[in-house]
Amino acid sequence: MLILDTSTGKLKRELTAKELFDNFHISSIFYNPATGEHNQKKVYEGVKIPFCLEDWNKLLSNNKFNTVNGKIGEVNRIEWDINTDSAILDYTIKELYTKNIKFTTNEGQ
């Protein structure tokens, strides 16, 4: 990737694929053994829950939530039935599934 000086249009520096990944995309890998960080998620679909107007208002401003166990969740889709005060959700929970992943890079020639 080339980074240009916007005022002169001249090349400032060249950013390698490794630098780009390390600086901007490392958090999107499944598991980073060096830090223990991961981007693994369990997917839940069609889960019926009690749901009211107060819940809807909270969801409008933020679709992320914490579980009772302290895990991070994110609502992806909702079907709210206002007549029954319930909703059907599709959501994900950030949860480590496996550490058995080997990360390798190929930078070419």
C-alpha atoms as a PDB file:
ATOM      1  CA  MET A   1       0.000   0.000   0.000  1.00  0.00           C
ATOM      2  CA  LEU A   2       1.326   3.419  -0.867  1.00  0.00           C
ATOM      3  CA  ILE A   3       0.787   6.388   1.412  1.00  0.00           C
ATOM      4  CA  LEU A   4       0.842   9.718  -0.399  1.00  0.00           C
ATOM      5  CA  ASP A   5       1.379  13.208   0.964  1.00  0.00           C
ATOM      6  CA  THR A   6      -1.947  14.903   0.199  1.00  0.00           C
ATOM      7  CA  SER A   7      -0.385  18.330  -0.205  1.00  0.00           C
ATOM      8  CA  THR A   8       2.299  17.292  -2.713  1.00  0.00           C
ATOM      9  CA  GLY A   9       0.943  14.049  -4.138  1.00  0.00           C
ATOM     10  CA  LYS A  10       4.368  12.480  -3.560  1.00  0.00           C
ATOM     11  CA  LEU A  11       5.035   9.117  -1.963  1.00  0.00           C
ATOM     12  CA  LYS A  12       5.445   9.379   1.819  1.00  0.00           C
ATOM     13  CA  ARG A  13       6.052   5.717   2.489  1.00  0.00           C
ATOM     14  CA  GLU A  14       5.146   2.221   1.481  1.00  0.00           C
ATOM     15  CA  LEU A  15       3.130   0.107   3.908  1.00  0.00           C
ATOM     16  CA  THR A  16       3.687  -3.645   3.674  1.00  0.00           C
ATOM     17  CA  ALA A  17       0.864  -6.163   3.984  1.00  0.00           C
ATOM     18  CA  LYS A  18       2.316  -7.299   7.335  1.00  0.00           C
ATOM     19  CA  GLU A  19       2.353  -3.728   8.705  1.00  0.00           C
ATOM     20  CA  LEU A  20      -1.198  -3.172   7.480  1.00  0.00           C
ATOM     21  CA  PHE A  21      -2.368  -6.374   9.164  1.00  0.00           C
ATOM     22  CA  ASP A  22      -0.411  -5.828  12.401  1.00  0.00           C
ATOM     23  CA  ASN A  23      -1.588  -2.234  12.787  1.00  0.00           C
ATOM     24  CA  PHE A  24      -5.186  -2.462  11.612  1.00  0.00           C
ATOM     25  CA  HIS A  25      -6.494  -6.034  11.303  1.00  0.00           C
ATOM     26  CA  ILE A  26      -4.888  -8.153  14.044  1.00  0.00           C
ATOM     27  CA  SER A  27      -8.046  -7.944  16.166  1.00  0.00           C
ATOM     28  CA  SER A  28     -10.083  -9.641  13.444  1.00  0.00           C
ATOM     29  CA  ILE A  29      -8.180 -12.948  13.639  1.00  0.00           C
ATOM     30  CA  PHE A  30      -9.733 -15.908  15.398  1.00  0.00           C
ATOM     31  CA  TYR A  31      -7.126 -16.180  18.166  1.00  0.00           C
ATOM     32  CA  ASN A  32      -3.912 -14.316  18.931  1.00  0.00           C
ATOM     33  CA  PRO A  33      -1.736 -16.540  21.156  1.00  0.00           C
ATOM     34  CA  ALA A  34       0.594 -13.635  21.985  1.00  0.00           C
ATOM     35  CA  THR A  35      -2.178 -11.618  23.674  1.00  0.00           C
ATOM     36  CA  GLY A  36      -4.996 -14.125  24.198  1.00  0.00           C
ATOM     37  CA  GLU A  37      -7.332 -11.831  22.246  1.00  0.00           C
ATOM     38  CA  HIS A  38      -9.839 -13.464  19.923  1.00  0.00           C
ATOM     39  CA  ASN A  39     -12.689 -12.676  17.622  1.00  0.00           C
ATOM     40  CA  GLN A  40     -14.603 -15.920  17.989  1.00  0.00           C
ATOM     41  CA  LYS A  41     -18.356 -15.802  18.450  1.00  0.00           C
ATOM     42  CA  LYS A  42     -21.143 -18.257  19.138  1.00  0.00           C
ATOM     43  CA  VAL A  43     -24.141 -17.644  16.901  1.00  0.00           C
ATOM     44  CA  TYR A  44     -27.698 -17.952  18.209  1.00  0.00           C
ATOM     45  CA  GLU A  45     -30.715 -17.740  15.902  1.00  0.00           C
ATOM     46  CA  GLY A  46     -34.438 -17.633  16.561  1.00  0.00           C
ATOM     47  CA  VAL A  47     -34.241 -17.220  20.347  1.00  0.00           C
ATOM     48  CA  LYS A  48     -37.516 -16.065  21.916  1.00  0.00           C
ATOM     49  CA  ILE A  49     -37.160 -13.647  24.837  1.00  0.00           C
ATOM     50  CA  PRO A  50     -39.426 -11.338  26.889  1.00  0.00           C
ATOM     51  CA  PHE A  51     -39.160  -7.886  25.300  1.00  0.00           C
ATOM     52  CA  CYS A  52     -40.876  -4.554  25.969  1.00  0.00           C
ATOM     53  CA  LEU A  53     -40.730  -0.903  24.871  1.00  0.00           C
ATOM     54  CA  GLU A  54     -37.993  -0.125  27.395  1.00  0.00           C
ATOM     55  CA  ASP A  55     -35.851  -2.899  25.886  1.00  0.00           C
ATOM     56  CA  TRP A  56     -36.530  -1.544  22.388  1.00  0.00           C
ATOM     57  CA  ASN A  57     -35.398   1.952  23.377  1.00  0.00           C
ATOM     58  CA  LYS A  58     -32.157   0.566  24.821  1.00  0.00           C
ATOM     59  CA  LEU A  59     -31.549  -1.470  21.683  1.00  0.00           C
ATOM     60  CA  LEU A  60     -32.034   1.542  19.420  1.00  0.00           C
ATOM     61  CA  SER A  61     -28.987   3.271  20.882  1.00  0.00           C
ATOM     62  CA  ASN A  62     -26.775   0.204  21.336  1.00  0.00           C
ATOM     63  CA  ASN A  63     -27.134  -3.332  19.983  1.00  0.00           C
ATOM     64  CA  LYS A  64     -24.382  -4.697  22.254  1.00  0.00           C
ATOM     65  CA  PHE A  65     -24.986  -6.185  25.689  1.00  0.00           C
ATOM     66  CA  ASN A  66     -23.272  -8.080  28.502  1.00  0.00           C
ATOM     67  CA  THR A  67     -24.458 -11.485  29.628  1.00  0.00           C
ATOM     68  CA  VAL A  68     -24.862 -12.398  33.295  1.00  0.00           C
ATOM     69  CA  ASN A  69     -21.481 -14.174  32.929  1.00  0.00           C
ATOM     70  CA  GLY A  70     -19.815 -10.976  31.674  1.00  0.00           C
ATOM     71  CA  LYS A  71     -19.530 -12.039  28.022  1.00  0.00           C
ATOM     72  CA  ILE A  72     -20.111  -9.551  25.212  1.00  0.00           C
ATOM     73  CA  GLY A  73     -23.169 -10.048  23.008  1.00  0.00           C
ATOM     74  CA  GLU A  74     -24.452  -8.336  19.893  1.00  0.00           C
ATOM     75  CA  VAL A  75     -27.995  -8.372  18.514  1.00  0.00           C
ATOM     76  CA  ASN A  76     -27.977  -8.934  14.746  1.00  0.00           C
ATOM     77  CA  ARG A  77     -31.698  -9.235  14.017  1.00  0.00           C
ATOM     78  CA  ILE A  78     -34.911  -8.825  15.956  1.00  0.00           C
ATOM     79  CA  GLU A  79     -38.597  -9.539  15.356  1.00  0.00           C
ATOM     80  CA  TRP A  80     -40.560  -7.786  18.099  1.00  0.00           C
ATOM     81  CA  ASP A  81     -44.165  -8.791  18.758  1.00  0.00           C
ATOM     82  CA  ILE A  82     -45.594  -5.826  20.664  1.00  0.00           C
ATOM     83  CA  ASN A  83     -48.832  -7.731  21.371  1.00  0.00           C
ATOM     84  CA  THR A  84     -47.090 -10.456  23.378  1.00  0.00           C
ATOM     85  CA  ASP A  85     -44.189  -8.418  24.795  1.00  0.00           C
ATOM     86  CA  SER A  86     -41.734 -10.841  23.267  1.00  0.00           C
ATOM     87  CA  ALA A  87     -39.136 -10.896  20.525  1.00  0.00           C
ATOM     88  CA  ILE A  88     -37.261 -13.404  18.415  1.00  0.00           C
ATOM     89  CA  LEU A  89     -33.547 -12.590  18.311  1.00  0.00           C
ATOM     90  CA  ASP A  90     -30.529 -13.569  16.281  1.00  0.00           C
ATOM     91  CA  TYR A  91     -27.415 -12.639  18.210  1.00  0.00           C
ATOM     92  CA  THR A  92     -23.784 -13.526  18.817  1.00  0.00           C
ATOM     93  CA  ILE A  93     -21.805 -13.948  22.033  1.00  0.00           C
ATOM     94  CA  LYS A  94     -18.060 -13.328  21.982  1.00  0.00           C
ATOM     95  CA  GLU A  95     -16.742 -16.619  23.287  1.00  0.00           C
ATOM     96  CA  LEU A  96     -13.455 -18.450  22.825  1.00  0.00           C
ATOM     97  CA  TYR A  97     -14.167 -21.707  21.035  1.00  0.00           C
ATOM     98  CA  THR A  98     -10.655 -22.982  20.359  1.00  0.00           C
ATOM     99  CA  LYS A  99      -7.018 -22.053  20.750  1.00  0.00           C
ATOM    100  CA  ASN A 100      -6.037 -24.782  18.308  1.00  0.00           C
ATOM    101  CA  ILE A 101      -5.400 -22.341  15.476  1.00  0.00           C
ATOM    102  CA  LYS A 102      -2.001 -21.683  13.980  1.00  0.00           C
ATOM    103  CA  PHE A 103      -1.567 -18.241  12.488  1.00  0.00           C
ATOM    104  CA  THR A 104       0.777 -18.004   9.516  1.00  0.00           C
ATOM    105  CA  THR A 105       1.495 -15.258   7.023  1.00  0.00           C
ATOM    106  CA  ASN A 106       2.611 -15.309   3.435  1.00  0.00           C
ATOM    107  CA  GLU A 107       4.184 -12.068   2.322  1.00  0.00           C
ATOM    108  CA  GLY A 108       5.213 -13.330  -1.083  1.00  0.00           C
ATOM    109  CA  GLN A 109       8.518 -12.434  -2.700  1.00  0.00           C
END
